Amino acid sequence: MALETDLLIDRRRLKRRLAFWRAGAVLLLLAGVMALLLGRTGPWLERDHVVRLPVEGIITDDRRLAEALDRLGRDASAKAVIVSIDSPGGSVGGGEMLHGALLRLRETKPVVAVMRGTAASAGYMTAVAAERIFARESTITGSIGVLLQTFDGSELLARLGVRTEAITSGPLKDQPSPLHPLSGEGRAALQGVVGDMYEQFLAMVVAGRKLPEERVRPLADGRVLSGRQALAAGLVDAIGGEREARAWLAAEKGVAADLPVRDLQPRGTAERLLRAAWGGAVKTVISEWLGVDGPAPLWQVFR
């Protein structure tokens, strides 16, 4: 019995040492990551480079991204920005935010857009903020327009014997609502909002592409186009990808084609390290030390 107790004590001591060295290894790894990040982002060690901004998925209003782009404008080591877009669109506010941030960035750096599989609606709104737009021949783009959708479930509710009522401060407060049809007044008010946002979008395309409005408006009916169709319509500048964008930057902006490319990280170094620490050292320390000193070893001695 005493021998078994001694073995158990020795095993617990061994696991404590193991947990200690595991935590030490993780902390050492984090220190190395920190040194690497500081070596890449510290102003005293920074090398000239080109920044790639991935714009993927649904575009929403992202304050951190806007702040990161504003900081990028003050980074002298970033010589140009490639906006790499693969997005079906998103909110009007999100597209407006990104469009405005890229216009501010253009004041200090060359900005080119590379449209990949899809760059439609707010994705295209983002692209027109760039000095030059590249697209693949098969890129789905365009969809210049604004959409507001709702549904009317009042008939279904009536069949189920459900009746809804709304007490509002005005006749348009519950327009639209899935609980009843749109009123004529509500439809007119919402159409006015959609029309205003559409005109804003149209103005961005006219200004960004330097095209007359009478040429853009017929294309701005919500239709999508292929990359080749967009090129013929003047909505993009050239067929190509990132390689062609780098060649244009070298020829027109003097940005060396052999500069390294780095993806923009909207999250700061401290936040990325904290997230890594939580998934690394903190998790290791908590799981191992509590597992050794708590009741868990009684059930996991020989795991």
Protein backbone atom coordinates (compact mmCIF):
# COMPACT_ATOMS: atom_id res chain seq x y z
CA MET A 1 0.00 0.00 0.00
CA ALA A 2 2.87 2.35 0.94
CA LEU A 3 4.54 1.53 -2.37
CA GLU A 4 1.43 2.48 -4.30
CA THR A 5 1.23 5.76 -2.38
CA ASP A 6 4.87 6.54 -3.16
CA LEU A 7 4.28 5.80 -6.83
CA LEU A 8 1.26 8.10 -6.85
CA ILE A 9 3.26 10.90 -5.19
CA ASP A 10 6.13 10.44 -7.63
CA ARG A 11 3.70 10.50 -10.56
CA ARG A 12 2.16 13.74 -9.32
CA ARG A 13 5.61 15.31 -8.94
CA LEU A 14 6.50 14.23 -12.45
CA LYS A 15 3.31 15.74 -13.84
CA ARG A 16 4.01 19.02 -12.02
CA ARG A 17 7.44 19.18 -13.62
CA LEU A 18 5.94 18.31 -16.99
CA ALA A 19 3.32 21.05 -16.65
CA PHE A 20 6.03 23.54 -15.68
CA TRP A 21 8.18 22.74 -18.70
CA ARG A 22 5.16 22.76 -21.00
CA ALA A 23 4.20 26.21 -19.78
CA GLY A 24 7.80 27.35 -20.15
CA ALA A 25 7.95 26.05 -23.71
CA VAL A 26 4.73 27.86 -24.63
CA LEU A 27 5.96 31.10 -23.08
CA LEU A 28 9.25 30.74 -24.95
CA LEU A 29 7.31 30.21 -28.17
CA LEU A 30 5.23 33.31 -27.50
CA ALA A 31 8.39 35.29 -26.85
CA GLY A 32 9.70 34.15 -30.22
CA VAL A 33 6.43 35.14 -31.91
CA MET A 34 6.58 38.53 -30.25
CA ALA A 35 10.14 39.03 -31.43
CA LEU A 36 9.09 38.03 -34.95
CA LEU A 37 6.13 40.40 -34.95
CA LEU A 38 8.17 43.25 -33.57
CA GLY A 39 10.80 42.50 -36.16
CA ARG A 40 8.15 42.76 -38.87
CA THR A 41 6.24 45.75 -37.53
CA GLY A 42 8.67 47.72 -35.42
CA PRO A 43 9.49 50.99 -37.17
CA TRP A 44 13.19 50.62 -36.40
CA LEU A 45 13.43 47.24 -38.18
CA GLU A 46 10.70 47.56 -40.80
CA ARG A 47 11.46 46.71 -44.40
CA ASP A 48 9.78 48.17 -47.46
CA HIS A 49 6.87 46.01 -48.60
CA VAL A 50 3.54 45.90 -50.42
CA VAL A 51 0.38 45.39 -48.38
CA ARG A 52 -2.36 43.01 -49.46
CA LEU A 53 -5.83 43.81 -48.09
CA PRO A 54 -8.07 40.72 -48.36
CA VAL A 55 -11.75 41.66 -48.74
CA GLU A 56 -13.68 38.41 -48.59
CA GLY A 57 -17.19 37.31 -47.72
CA ILE A 58 -19.92 39.69 -46.62
CA ILE A 59 -18.74 43.30 -46.25
CA THR A 60 -19.90 45.00 -43.06
CA ASP A 61 -18.97 48.19 -41.23
CA ASP A 62 -15.70 47.31 -39.50
CA ARG A 63 -14.26 50.04 -37.29
CA ARG A 64 -11.01 48.17 -36.67
CA LEU A 65 -10.40 47.75 -40.36
CA ALA A 66 -10.97 51.44 -40.98
CA GLU A 67 -8.54 52.33 -38.20
CA ALA A 68 -5.97 49.86 -39.56
CA LEU A 69 -6.20 51.45 -43.01
CA ASP A 70 -5.73 54.91 -41.51
CA ARG A 71 -2.63 53.68 -39.66
CA LEU A 72 -1.39 52.10 -42.87
CA GLY A 73 -1.53 55.51 -44.54
CA ARG A 74 1.10 56.71 -42.06
CA ASP A 75 3.38 53.69 -42.52
CA ALA A 76 6.29 54.82 -44.67
CA SER A 77 7.51 51.25 -45.24
CA ALA A 78 4.27 50.25 -47.00
CA LYS A 79 4.85 51.32 -50.58
CA ALA A 80 1.55 50.25 -52.14
CA VAL A 81 -1.70 48.44 -51.36
CA ILE A 82 -3.35 45.64 -53.31
CA VAL A 83 -7.02 45.21 -52.46
CA SER A 84 -7.77 41.53 -53.13
CA ILE A 85 -11.55 41.16 -53.44
CA ASP A 86 -13.68 38.03 -53.44
CA SER A 87 -17.04 39.18 -52.10
CA PRO A 88 -20.66 39.07 -53.27
CA GLY A 89 -21.32 42.35 -51.46
CA GLY A 90 -22.71 43.37 -48.12
CA SER A 91 -24.27 46.36 -46.41
CA VAL A 92 -24.28 49.79 -48.02
CA GLY A 93 -22.72 51.19 -44.86
CA GLY A 94 -19.93 48.61 -44.94
CA GLY A 95 -19.14 49.34 -48.57
CA GLU A 96 -19.21 53.07 -47.92
CA MET A 97 -16.83 52.69 -44.96
CA LEU A 98 -14.32 50.67 -46.96
CA HIS A 99 -14.62 52.92 -50.01
CA GLY A 100 -13.97 56.04 -47.93
CA ALA A 101 -11.02 54.49 -46.08
CA LEU A 102 -9.39 53.47 -49.37
CA LEU A 103 -9.87 56.96 -50.82
CA ARG A 104 -8.07 58.40 -47.80
CA LEU A 105 -5.33 55.81 -48.25
CA ARG A 106 -4.90 56.83 -51.88
CA GLU A 107 -3.74 60.25 -50.72
CA THR A 108 -0.46 58.72 -49.51
CA LYS A 109 -0.05 55.40 -51.38
CA PRO A 110 -0.88 53.73 -54.70
CA VAL A 111 -3.95 51.50 -54.35
CA VAL A 112 -4.92 48.86 -56.89
CA ALA A 113 -7.81 46.41 -56.79
CA VAL A 114 -7.67 42.78 -57.90
CA MET A 115 -11.11 41.25 -58.32
CA ARG A 116 -11.02 37.49 -58.01
CA GLY A 117 -14.00 35.13 -58.20
CA THR A 118 -16.66 37.67 -57.28
CA ALA A 119 -16.63 41.42 -56.70
CA ALA A 120 -20.24 42.50 -56.87
CA SER A 121 -22.39 45.17 -55.22
CA ALA A 122 -20.45 46.44 -52.16
CA GLY A 123 -17.50 44.40 -53.44
CA TYR A 124 -17.47 46.50 -56.60
CA MET A 125 -18.09 49.65 -54.54
CA THR A 126 -14.84 48.81 -52.76
CA ALA A 127 -12.97 48.28 -56.02
CA VAL A 128 -13.89 51.65 -57.55
CA ALA A 129 -11.96 53.40 -54.77
CA ALA A 130 -8.72 52.04 -56.30
CA GLU A 131 -6.61 53.78 -58.94
CA ARG A 132 -6.71 50.74 -61.19
CA ILE A 133 -8.93 47.65 -61.25
CA PHE A 134 -7.88 44.22 -62.48
CA ALA A 135 -10.38 41.40 -62.99
CA ARG A 136 -10.28 37.88 -64.26
CA GLU A 137 -12.18 37.18 -67.45
CA SER A 138 -14.72 35.15 -65.47
CA THR A 139 -15.01 37.45 -62.43
CA ILE A 140 -18.62 38.10 -61.47
CA THR A 141 -18.91 41.83 -60.93
CA GLY A 142 -21.26 44.77 -61.28
CA SER A 143 -24.60 44.40 -59.48
CA ILE A 144 -24.61 48.17 -59.03
CA GLY A 145 -27.74 48.82 -57.03
CA VAL A 146 -29.40 48.65 -53.64
CA LEU A 147 -31.76 45.99 -52.32
CA LEU A 148 -34.09 46.07 -49.33
CA GLN A 149 -36.03 42.89 -48.69
CA THR A 150 -38.81 41.95 -46.30
CA PHE A 151 -41.65 39.43 -46.27
CA ASP A 152 -45.32 39.41 -45.42
CA GLY A 153 -46.42 36.55 -43.19
CA SER A 154 -49.83 37.98 -42.31
CA GLU A 155 -51.83 35.44 -44.33
CA LEU A 156 -50.02 32.52 -42.73
CA LEU A 157 -50.60 33.97 -39.27
CA ALA A 158 -54.28 34.48 -40.06
CA ARG A 159 -54.62 30.82 -41.07
CA LEU A 160 -53.05 29.86 -37.77
CA GLY A 161 -55.49 32.06 -35.92
CA VAL A 162 -52.82 34.53 -34.84
CA ARG A 163 -53.61 38.22 -34.88
CA THR A 164 -50.96 40.87 -34.29
CA GLU A 165 -51.28 44.48 -33.28
CA ALA A 166 -48.72 47.28 -33.13
CA ILE A 167 -48.82 50.53 -31.21
CA THR A 168 -46.53 53.00 -32.95
CA SER A 169 -45.61 56.65 -32.64
CA GLY A 170 -46.30 57.18 -36.33
CA PRO A 171 -47.68 55.42 -39.38
CA LEU A 172 -44.22 54.53 -40.74
CA LYS A 173 -42.63 53.22 -37.56
CA ASP A 174 -43.51 49.59 -38.36
CA GLN A 175 -42.75 49.79 -42.09
CA PRO A 176 -41.64 47.28 -43.20
CA SER A 177 -42.90 44.51 -40.96
CA PRO A 178 -43.27 40.77 -41.59
CA LEU A 179 -46.58 40.90 -39.72
CA HIS A 180 -48.55 42.90 -42.27
CA PRO A 181 -48.30 44.14 -45.88
CA LEU A 182 -46.55 47.37 -46.75
CA SER A 183 -48.81 50.38 -46.94
CA GLY A 184 -48.63 52.66 -49.96
CA GLU A 185 -47.10 55.38 -47.81
CA GLY A 186 -44.57 52.96 -46.34
CA ARG A 187 -43.56 51.64 -49.74
CA ALA A 188 -43.02 55.16 -51.05
CA ALA A 189 -40.87 56.12 -48.04
CA LEU A 190 -38.71 53.01 -48.31
CA GLN A 191 -38.35 53.45 -52.05
CA GLY A 192 -37.06 56.93 -51.35
CA VAL A 193 -34.41 55.56 -49.00
CA VAL A 194 -33.32 52.89 -51.48
CA GLY A 195 -33.25 55.46 -54.28
CA ASP A 196 -31.06 57.81 -52.26
CA MET A 197 -28.54 55.07 -51.43
CA TYR A 198 -28.57 54.00 -55.08
CA GLU A 199 -27.65 57.53 -56.19
CA GLN A 200 -24.77 57.52 -53.71
CA PHE A 201 -23.50 54.23 -55.14
CA LEU A 202 -23.87 55.51 -58.69
CA ALA A 203 -21.91 58.67 -57.83
CA MET A 204 -19.06 56.55 -56.42
CA VAL A 205 -18.83 54.59 -59.67
CA VAL A 206 -18.97 57.72 -61.84
CA ALA A 207 -16.23 59.40 -59.80
CA GLY A 208 -14.07 56.32 -59.41
CA ARG A 209 -14.19 55.24 -63.03
CA LYS A 210 -14.19 58.81 -64.42
CA LEU A 211 -17.10 57.99 -66.68
CA PRO A 212 -20.09 60.15 -67.61
CA GLU A 213 -23.23 59.35 -65.64
CA GLU A 214 -25.23 58.70 -68.80
CA ARG A 215 -22.83 55.87 -69.61
CA VAL A 216 -22.89 54.30 -66.15
CA ARG A 217 -26.60 54.56 -65.31
CA PRO A 218 -27.78 52.02 -67.93
CA LEU A 219 -25.33 49.50 -66.43
CA ALA A 220 -26.41 50.30 -62.88
CA ASP A 221 -29.67 48.39 -62.98
CA GLY A 222 -28.50 45.58 -60.72
CA ARG A 223 -27.17 43.36 -63.50
CA VAL A 224 -24.01 41.32 -63.04
CA LEU A 225 -21.29 41.12 -65.67
CA SER A 226 -18.30 38.92 -66.38
CA GLY A 227 -14.84 40.39 -66.18
CA ARG A 228 -14.63 40.63 -69.95
CA GLN A 229 -17.99 42.40 -70.15
CA ALA A 230 -16.94 44.79 -67.38
CA LEU A 231 -13.75 45.60 -69.28
CA ALA A 232 -15.70 46.41 -72.44
CA ALA A 233 -18.07 48.59 -70.42
CA GLY A 234 -15.24 50.50 -68.76
CA LEU A 235 -15.98 49.23 -65.26
CA VAL A 236 -12.50 47.68 -64.93
CA ASP A 237 -9.14 48.62 -66.44
CA ALA A 238 -7.52 45.33 -67.37
CA ILE A 239 -7.75 41.57 -67.23
CA GLY A 240 -5.32 40.07 -64.78
CA GLY A 241 -4.52 39.20 -61.20
CA GLU A 242 -1.98 40.10 -58.57
CA ARG A 243 0.98 39.50 -60.87
CA GLU A 244 -0.37 42.01 -63.38
CA ALA A 245 -1.11 44.43 -60.56
CA ARG A 246 2.49 44.20 -59.34
CA ALA A 247 3.75 44.78 -62.86
CA TRP A 248 1.57 47.91 -63.17
CA LEU A 249 2.78 49.22 -59.81
CA ALA A 250 6.37 48.74 -60.92
CA ALA A 251 5.88 50.40 -64.31
CA GLU A 252 3.60 53.27 -63.29
CA LYS A 253 4.38 53.90 -59.61
CA GLY A 254 7.97 52.79 -59.26
CA VAL A 255 7.13 50.13 -56.67
CA ALA A 256 9.74 47.39 -57.04
CA ALA A 257 8.23 44.11 -58.21
CA ASP A 258 10.37 42.08 -55.80
CA LEU A 259 9.17 43.76 -52.61
CA PRO A 260 7.60 41.27 -50.19
CA VAL A 261 3.82 41.22 -49.84
CA ARG A 262 2.21 41.20 -46.41
CA ASP A 263 -1.44 40.78 -45.56
CA LEU A 264 -2.95 43.58 -43.51
CA GLN A 265 -3.76 42.54 -39.94
CA PRO A 266 -6.57 44.76 -38.58
CA ARG A 267 -6.02 43.36 -35.07
CA GLY A 268 -3.07 44.77 -33.20
CA THR A 269 -0.01 42.83 -32.10
CA ALA A 270 -1.01 42.92 -28.43
CA GLU A 271 -4.45 41.48 -29.15
CA ARG A 272 -3.07 38.72 -31.36
CA LEU A 273 -0.53 37.79 -28.67
CA LEU A 274 -3.21 37.80 -25.99
CA ARG A 275 -5.40 35.48 -28.04
CA ALA A 276 -2.43 33.20 -28.64
CA ALA A 277 -1.57 33.24 -24.94
CA TRP A 278 -5.10 32.26 -23.99
CA GLY A 279 -4.97 29.34 -26.37
CA GLY A 280 -1.44 28.42 -25.31
CA ALA A 281 0.15 29.20 -21.95
CA VAL A 282 -3.00 30.04 -20.00
CA LYS A 283 -4.79 26.95 -21.24
CA THR A 284 -1.78 24.76 -20.50
CA VAL A 285 -1.26 26.13 -16.99
CA ILE A 286 -4.92 25.90 -16.02
CA SER A 287 -5.56 22.46 -17.47
CA GLU A 288 -2.36 20.89 -16.22
CA TRP A 289 -1.94 22.47 -12.79
CA LEU A 290 -5.57 22.19 -11.79
CA GLY A 291 -5.62 18.70 -13.25
CA VAL A 292 -2.62 17.68 -11.13
CA ASP A 293 -3.56 19.33 -7.85
CA GLY A 294 -7.30 18.85 -8.06
CA PRO A 295 -9.42 15.69 -8.02
CA ALA A 296 -8.69 14.82 -11.66
CA PRO A 297 -5.49 12.81 -10.94
CA LEU A 298 -7.52 10.26 -9.00
CA TRP A 299 -9.16 9.32 -12.26
CA GLN A 300 -6.33 10.08 -14.72
CA VAL A 301 -3.18 8.76 -13.04
CA PHE A 302 -2.27 6.33 -15.82
CA ARG A 303 -3.61 8.14 -18.84
